[in-house]
Protein backbone atom coordinates (compact mmCIF):
# COMPACT_ATOMS: atom_id res chain seq x y z
CA MET A 1 -152.20 -18.08 67.92
CA SER A 2 -149.19 -20.09 66.31
CA LEU A 3 -148.63 -23.11 64.16
CA GLN A 4 -147.94 -26.38 65.97
CA ALA A 5 -144.69 -28.08 65.80
CA SER A 6 -144.31 -31.18 63.30
CA VAL A 7 -142.12 -34.26 63.21
CA ALA A 8 -140.89 -36.06 60.07
CA ILE A 9 -142.07 -39.69 59.44
CA SER A 10 -138.50 -41.00 59.71
CA TRP A 11 -138.69 -40.18 63.47
CA VAL A 12 -142.30 -41.61 63.65
CA GLY A 13 -140.82 -44.86 62.26
CA THR A 14 -138.64 -44.94 65.53
CA VAL A 15 -141.72 -45.61 67.62
CA LEU A 16 -143.25 -47.93 65.12
CA ALA A 17 -140.08 -49.98 64.74
CA ALA A 18 -139.73 -50.22 68.61
CA ALA A 19 -143.13 -51.33 69.19
CA GLN A 20 -142.87 -53.96 66.50
CA ARG A 21 -139.76 -55.35 68.18
CA GLN A 22 -141.73 -55.97 71.06
CA GLY A 23 -144.70 -57.77 69.22
CA VAL A 24 -146.95 -54.66 68.70
CA SER A 25 -148.16 -54.15 65.08
CA ARG A 26 -148.39 -50.86 63.28
CA GLN A 27 -152.01 -51.42 62.86
CA ALA A 28 -152.66 -52.25 66.46
CA LEU A 29 -150.51 -49.06 67.55
CA LEU A 30 -152.08 -46.68 65.25
CA ALA A 31 -155.59 -47.90 66.32
CA GLN A 32 -154.77 -47.57 69.94
CA ALA A 33 -153.53 -43.91 69.36
CA GLY A 34 -156.53 -43.16 67.53
CA LEU A 35 -154.80 -42.60 64.32
CA ALA A 36 -155.70 -43.71 60.87
CA LEU A 37 -153.41 -46.11 58.76
CA ASP A 38 -153.09 -43.73 56.01
CA ALA A 39 -151.29 -41.29 58.43
CA LEU A 40 -148.15 -43.33 57.43
CA GLN A 41 -148.30 -41.57 53.98
CA LEU A 42 -147.72 -38.11 55.48
CA GLU A 43 -144.30 -36.51 55.38
CA ARG A 44 -144.78 -34.91 58.58
CA TRP A 45 -146.87 -35.32 61.71
CA PRO A 46 -148.34 -32.78 63.96
CA ILE A 47 -146.31 -33.13 67.22
CA ASP A 48 -149.48 -34.02 69.37
CA ASP A 49 -149.91 -37.09 66.91
CA ILE A 50 -146.57 -38.62 67.85
CA THR A 51 -147.35 -37.80 71.46
CA ARG A 52 -150.54 -40.07 70.90
CA LEU A 53 -148.28 -42.67 69.37
CA TRP A 54 -145.70 -42.49 72.18
CA ARG A 55 -148.57 -42.94 74.81
CA ALA A 56 -150.16 -45.69 72.85
CA ALA A 57 -146.61 -47.71 72.34
CA VAL A 58 -145.94 -47.40 76.22
CA GLN A 59 -149.89 -48.58 76.94
CA CYS A 60 -149.36 -51.56 74.42
CA THR A 61 -146.14 -52.76 75.48
CA GLN A 62 -146.41 -52.11 79.32
CA ASN A 63 -142.80 -51.53 79.18
CA ALA A 64 -141.62 -48.66 81.51
CA SER A 65 -138.35 -48.44 79.45
CA PHE A 66 -139.79 -47.97 76.25
CA GLY A 67 -138.48 -44.82 75.26
CA LEU A 68 -134.86 -45.72 76.33
CA GLU A 69 -135.06 -48.83 74.39
CA ALA A 70 -136.49 -47.21 71.25
CA GLY A 71 -133.94 -44.35 71.41
CA SER A 72 -131.10 -46.51 71.92
CA GLN A 73 -131.71 -48.45 68.61
CA VAL A 74 -131.89 -45.48 66.23
CA GLY A 75 -129.58 -45.28 63.14
CA PRO A 76 -128.99 -42.73 60.48
CA ASP A 77 -132.24 -43.85 58.70
CA ASN A 78 -134.23 -42.36 61.58
CA PHE A 79 -132.67 -38.91 60.75
CA ASN A 80 -133.07 -38.73 56.97
CA VAL A 81 -130.46 -36.67 55.14
CA VAL A 82 -129.29 -35.11 58.45
CA GLY A 83 -128.15 -38.58 59.74
CA GLU A 84 -125.75 -38.88 56.55
CA LEU A 85 -124.65 -35.39 57.20
CA LEU A 86 -123.98 -36.00 60.82
CA GLN A 87 -121.97 -39.09 60.30
CA ALA A 88 -119.67 -37.40 57.30
CA SER A 89 -118.97 -34.49 59.83
CA ALA A 90 -115.24 -34.17 60.71
CA THR A 91 -115.80 -34.05 64.56
CA LEU A 92 -118.80 -34.50 66.95
CA ARG A 93 -118.84 -30.78 67.82
CA GLU A 94 -119.18 -30.05 64.00
CA ALA A 95 -122.05 -32.62 63.88
CA ILE A 96 -123.88 -31.23 66.56
CA ALA A 97 -123.63 -27.61 64.93
CA ALA A 98 -124.89 -29.38 61.85
CA LEU A 99 -128.00 -31.13 63.87
CA GLN A 100 -128.84 -27.59 65.49
CA LYS A 101 -128.87 -26.06 62.06
CA TYR A 102 -130.94 -28.88 60.43
CA GLN A 103 -132.97 -30.33 63.14
CA ARG A 104 -136.18 -29.09 61.88
CA LEU A 105 -135.73 -31.76 59.02
CA ILE A 106 -136.32 -34.33 61.64
CA SER A 107 -138.49 -32.64 64.04
CA ASP A 108 -139.31 -29.07 65.37
CA GLY A 109 -140.71 -30.38 68.33
CA GLY A 110 -137.51 -29.25 70.56
CA ARG A 111 -134.14 -27.84 70.16
CA PHE A 112 -130.58 -28.42 70.94
CA GLN A 113 -128.30 -26.24 72.87
CA MET A 114 -124.53 -26.41 73.56
CA LEU A 115 -123.30 -25.02 76.94
CA ALA A 116 -119.58 -24.85 76.71
CA GLY A 117 -117.61 -25.51 79.99
CA ALA A 118 -114.05 -27.14 80.80
CA PRO A 119 -113.10 -29.80 80.50
CA ALA A 120 -116.82 -30.86 79.39
CA SER A 121 -119.80 -29.40 77.37
CA TRP A 122 -123.59 -29.83 78.23
CA LEU A 123 -125.63 -30.67 74.95
CA ILE A 124 -129.20 -29.66 76.25
CA TYR A 125 -132.52 -30.78 74.83
CA HIS A 126 -135.45 -28.15 75.12
CA PRO A 127 -138.53 -29.97 74.17
CA ARG A 128 -141.30 -28.11 72.38
CA GLN A 129 -144.47 -29.95 73.04
CA GLY A 130 -147.90 -28.99 71.33
CA ALA A 131 -151.26 -28.97 73.19
CA LEU A 132 -150.54 -32.38 74.79
CA ALA A 133 -147.86 -32.60 77.30
CA PHE A 134 -144.85 -34.80 76.11
CA SER A 135 -144.79 -38.44 77.16
CA PRO A 136 -141.48 -38.77 79.37
CA HIS A 137 -140.68 -41.48 77.03
CA GLN A 138 -140.23 -38.87 74.20
CA VAL A 139 -137.72 -37.03 76.21
CA GLU A 140 -135.72 -40.36 77.14
CA ALA A 141 -135.62 -41.55 73.52
CA VAL A 142 -134.29 -38.36 72.45
CA LEU A 143 -130.98 -38.47 74.70
CA ALA A 144 -130.77 -42.17 74.36
CA ALA A 145 -130.78 -41.49 70.46
CA VAL A 146 -127.98 -38.96 70.94
CA LEU A 147 -125.84 -41.20 72.62
CA ALA A 148 -126.63 -44.10 69.99
CA PHE A 149 -125.41 -41.56 67.37
CA VAL A 150 -122.40 -40.67 69.29
CA ARG A 151 -121.16 -44.16 69.98
CA GLY A 152 -122.11 -45.19 66.23
CA ALA A 153 -119.93 -41.93 64.96
CA MET A 154 -117.32 -42.59 67.07
CA GLY A 155 -117.14 -46.20 66.42
CA ALA A 156 -116.39 -46.71 70.20
CA ALA A 157 -118.34 -47.44 73.48
CA VAL A 158 -118.48 -43.86 74.57
CA ARG A 159 -119.56 -42.94 78.11
CA PRO A 160 -120.78 -39.41 78.78
CA GLN A 161 -119.67 -37.86 82.02
CA GLN A 162 -123.36 -37.28 83.17
CA VAL A 163 -126.87 -37.40 81.94
CA GLN A 164 -129.63 -35.64 83.55
CA PHE A 165 -133.58 -35.17 82.95
CA SER A 166 -135.84 -32.51 84.13
CA GLN A 167 -138.51 -35.15 84.85
CA PRO A 168 -138.75 -37.88 87.47
CA ARG A 169 -137.49 -41.41 86.64
CA VAL A 170 -140.30 -43.30 85.06
CA GLY A 171 -138.68 -46.82 84.64
CA PRO A 172 -136.20 -49.02 86.67
CA LEU A 173 -132.90 -47.39 87.41
CA ALA A 174 -131.01 -50.48 85.79
CA ALA A 175 -132.32 -49.60 82.49
CA TYR A 176 -131.02 -46.07 82.54
CA ARG A 177 -127.45 -47.40 83.67
CA ARG A 178 -127.65 -50.01 81.01
CA VAL A 179 -128.40 -47.42 78.20
CA PHE A 180 -126.20 -44.36 79.54
CA ALA A 181 -123.63 -46.29 81.58
CA CYS A 182 -122.64 -43.02 83.35
CA PRO A 183 -123.85 -41.01 86.49
CA LEU A 184 -127.74 -39.99 86.32
CA ALA A 185 -129.64 -37.31 87.85
CA PHE A 186 -133.61 -36.75 87.89
CA GLU A 187 -135.98 -33.70 88.22
CA GLN A 188 -133.18 -31.14 87.08
CA ALA A 189 -133.11 -27.93 85.62
CA PHE A 190 -132.84 -29.19 82.16
CA ASN A 191 -132.49 -32.40 79.85
CA GLY A 192 -129.02 -33.00 78.88
CA VAL A 193 -125.75 -34.97 78.04
CA LEU A 194 -122.25 -33.80 79.47
CA LEU A 195 -119.80 -34.92 77.17
CA ASP A 196 -115.85 -34.20 77.31
CA ASN A 197 -114.52 -31.72 74.94
CA ALA A 198 -111.58 -34.07 73.93
CA LEU A 199 -114.64 -36.43 72.69
CA LEU A 200 -116.50 -33.56 70.86
CA ASP A 201 -113.25 -32.33 69.07
CA ALA A 202 -112.10 -36.00 68.16
CA PRO A 203 -112.54 -37.22 64.66
CA LEU A 204 -115.56 -39.07 63.57
CA ALA A 205 -115.00 -42.64 62.33
CA ARG A 206 -116.66 -41.98 58.94
CA ALA A 207 -115.72 -38.29 58.48
CA ASP A 208 -115.61 -37.28 54.65
CA ALA A 209 -115.50 -33.66 53.94
CA ARG A 210 -116.79 -34.03 50.38
CA ARG A 211 -119.81 -36.25 51.53
CA ALA A 212 -120.44 -33.77 54.10
CA ARG A 213 -120.57 -31.09 51.60
CA TRP A 214 -122.91 -32.76 49.52
CA HIS A 215 -125.39 -33.84 52.33
CA GLN A 216 -125.51 -30.49 53.60
CA GLN A 217 -126.57 -29.13 50.07
CA GLN A 218 -129.27 -31.62 50.21
CA ALA A 219 -130.20 -30.70 53.60
CA ALA A 220 -130.02 -26.89 53.00
CA ALA A 221 -132.16 -27.41 49.89
CA ARG A 222 -134.95 -29.54 51.94
CA LEU A 223 -134.81 -26.77 54.73
CA ALA A 224 -135.36 -24.11 52.16
CA GLY A 225 -138.19 -25.95 50.80
CA LEU A 226 -139.73 -26.45 54.40
CA THR A 227 -139.17 -23.07 55.25
CA GLN A 228 -140.48 -21.57 52.18
CA GLY A 229 -143.85 -23.36 52.50
CA GLY A 230 -142.80 -26.82 51.20
CA ALA A 231 -144.64 -28.10 54.28
CA LEU A 232 -147.51 -25.78 54.21
CA ALA A 233 -150.19 -28.49 54.22
CA GLN A 234 -148.68 -30.01 57.17
CA GLU A 235 -148.14 -27.01 59.14
CA LEU A 236 -151.95 -26.07 58.23
CA ARG A 237 -153.07 -29.43 59.17
CA ALA A 238 -151.25 -29.32 62.57
CA TRP A 239 -152.82 -25.56 63.27
CA MET A 240 -156.31 -26.71 62.36
CA GLY A 241 -156.01 -29.71 64.55
CA ALA A 242 -155.15 -27.44 67.62
CA ALA A 243 -157.74 -25.07 66.74
CA LEU A 244 -160.48 -27.65 66.21
CA THR A 245 -160.45 -28.09 70.02
CA ARG A 246 -162.22 -24.82 70.35
CA ARG A 247 -164.27 -24.26 67.14
CA VAL A 248 -164.24 -24.99 63.44
CA PRO A 249 -161.36 -22.83 62.06
CA THR A 250 -161.45 -20.53 59.13
CA ARG A 251 -159.00 -19.49 56.35
CA ALA A 252 -159.08 -16.09 57.63
CA GLU A 253 -157.84 -17.27 61.23
CA ALA A 254 -155.35 -19.65 59.36
CA ALA A 255 -153.82 -16.58 57.57
CA ARG A 256 -153.40 -14.70 60.66
CA ALA A 257 -151.82 -17.56 62.10
CA LEU A 258 -149.12 -17.60 59.66
CA GLY A 259 -148.85 -13.97 59.54
CA VAL A 260 -150.18 -13.40 56.00
CA SER A 261 -153.12 -11.83 54.17
CA GLU A 262 -155.90 -14.22 53.43
CA ARG A 263 -155.42 -13.49 49.68
CA THR A 264 -151.61 -14.63 50.08
CA LEU A 265 -152.70 -17.64 51.83
CA ALA A 266 -155.24 -18.69 49.24
CA ARG A 267 -152.47 -17.88 46.39
CA ARG A 268 -149.92 -20.33 48.38
CA MET A 269 -152.45 -23.04 48.54
CA GLN A 270 -153.82 -22.83 44.96
CA ALA A 271 -149.80 -22.88 43.92
CA ARG A 272 -149.65 -26.37 45.58
CA GLY A 273 -153.02 -27.59 44.72
CA LEU A 274 -154.31 -27.35 48.24
CA SER A 275 -157.80 -26.80 49.32
CA PHE A 276 -158.57 -25.53 52.70
CA SER A 277 -161.96 -27.36 52.92
CA GLY A 278 -160.08 -30.71 51.89
CA LEU A 279 -157.48 -30.28 54.56
CA LEU A 280 -160.21 -29.41 57.27
CA ASP A 281 -162.06 -32.26 56.15
CA ALA A 282 -158.72 -34.45 56.75
CA VAL A 283 -158.28 -32.94 60.15
CA ARG A 284 -161.72 -33.46 61.28
CA ARG A 285 -161.53 -36.96 60.05
CA GLU A 286 -158.15 -37.73 62.09
CA ALA A 287 -159.90 -35.95 65.16
CA ALA A 288 -163.12 -38.13 64.76
CA LEU A 289 -161.02 -41.35 64.35
CA GLN A 290 -159.28 -40.72 67.72
CA ALA A 291 -162.13 -39.63 69.77
CA VAL A 292 -164.25 -42.41 68.65
CA ALA A 293 -161.44 -44.84 69.11
CA GLN A 294 -160.97 -43.57 72.74
CA GLY A 295 -164.45 -44.65 73.75
CA GLU A 296 -165.00 -42.10 76.41
CA GLN A 297 -167.19 -39.55 74.83
CA PRO A 298 -170.37 -40.08 73.66
CA LEU A 299 -170.72 -39.78 69.96
CA ALA A 300 -173.17 -37.02 69.70
CA GLU A 301 -170.92 -34.93 71.80
CA ILE A 302 -167.84 -35.86 69.67
CA ALA A 303 -170.08 -34.55 66.63
CA GLN A 304 -170.76 -31.39 68.47
CA ALA A 305 -167.38 -30.78 69.30
CA LEU A 306 -166.02 -31.34 65.82
CA GLY A 307 -168.52 -28.60 64.46
CA PHE A 308 -171.02 -30.78 62.75
CA ALA A 309 -174.70 -29.44 62.63
CA GLU A 310 -176.52 -32.57 63.76
CA PRO A 311 -175.40 -36.34 64.31
CA ALA A 312 -176.59 -37.48 61.24
CA VAL A 313 -174.17 -35.33 59.47
CA PHE A 314 -171.21 -36.64 61.36
CA TRP A 315 -172.44 -40.52 61.01
CA ARG A 316 -172.58 -39.60 56.96
CA ALA A 317 -169.19 -37.90 57.02
CA PHE A 318 -167.81 -40.89 59.13
CA ARG A 319 -168.93 -43.67 56.95
CA ARG A 320 -167.55 -41.60 53.95
CA TRP A 321 -163.95 -41.59 55.81
CA THR A 322 -163.69 -45.02 56.89
CA GLY A 323 -166.78 -47.05 55.58
CA HIS A 324 -167.99 -47.71 59.06
CA THR A 325 -170.26 -46.22 61.48
CA PRO A 326 -168.79 -44.69 64.52
CA ALA A 327 -170.04 -47.53 66.53
CA GLN A 328 -168.38 -50.42 64.32
CA TRP A 329 -165.14 -48.10 64.46
CA ARG A 330 -165.17 -48.11 68.21
CA GLN A 331 -165.80 -51.68 68.43
CA ARG A 332 -163.16 -52.40 65.99
CA ALA A 333 -160.33 -50.20 68.10
CA GLY A 334 -161.45 -52.77 70.89
CA ARG A 335 -163.20 -50.39 73.21
C-alpha cells in the first residue's frame, strides 16, 4: 500500500482558468466533477481529484483540444515559487534541472527526465496516475505547458525539433500543429519534447543569479516542509480516498502505508492538530458528493460502499455535510 500522488492548487488553477475562458464556471465544473467548492481551500489535491476535474472540463466544454489550450496558456503563477526559480535560472538546461529537483511542489503526479543526445536532447515526461487512469488531456497540457514556459523564458518563438506522445491523438491535428509548430508523433514509447542543445544552453531572458538563489532557498524550504510531513493531512486524505474504495481505512493501516508505527503517526498528527476521524470524515464527504452527483449508483449502495452501517446514518451525515439530502444534491448537480 502506498500514498497517492498529489498536486498543488496552483496547477488546479490551470484547469479552472481554461474552463472559465470557455464559459464554464468554477461551480459548474466542480459540480460536474463531483467535488465540493471548498476543495479550492486545500493546498494540494489527490491526483485522482484533478483527473476528475480534467475529465469534467472536457465534458463541459466539449473541446477535444482542451488540454493543449490549457497548457499553452500557463504562466509562472501556475508553478508557484518553482516558476519564479525557473525564470531566474541561467539557462534552460539549468531551469530543467531545477524543475526536476522541485517538481513535487507543483505535482508528484509525474516526473521529468533528460535524455541527452547530439545535437538535441529529449525532455521526457513520465506520468504517475492514481487509481484513475489519466485523462490524455492531462499529458497534453503538461507538454504544452513545457513549451509555453520555454518560449516565455527565452523571449522568442522557439520551435522544438519534435514532440511525441505515448497516447493516440485525441483532437484535431491542426490544434497540435498550432501549439507545437514542429513534427509530431503519437503512440510512441514515451511522452517528450526534443530540444536543440544550443537552445538548452542559451541564456534565459530573465536570468538573474541573485534572484535564482533566493527562489531556490524558498523552494528548498517548502520542499523540506513537504518531505518532512508539512502535507501530512493531504497525503493521508489521498491515501484514505484510495483505501475507501475497498473498506473503511484504519489508523493502523495508514501508519503501515507511511512506514511508521501507529504511535509515531498519532504523535505527528497531534503535533499538527490533525484528527484521523476528522480527515476520514472529510474524505467520505468528498467521495459521497462525487458518487451522488454522478447519478449512477443507488443511494443505498453508495452508503454501504462508504462504510455506513445503514442508509439513515448516511442520510444524516450527508445533510450535516451539505445541508441537503442526497436526492436534493443529485438534483442540484443536474443529474
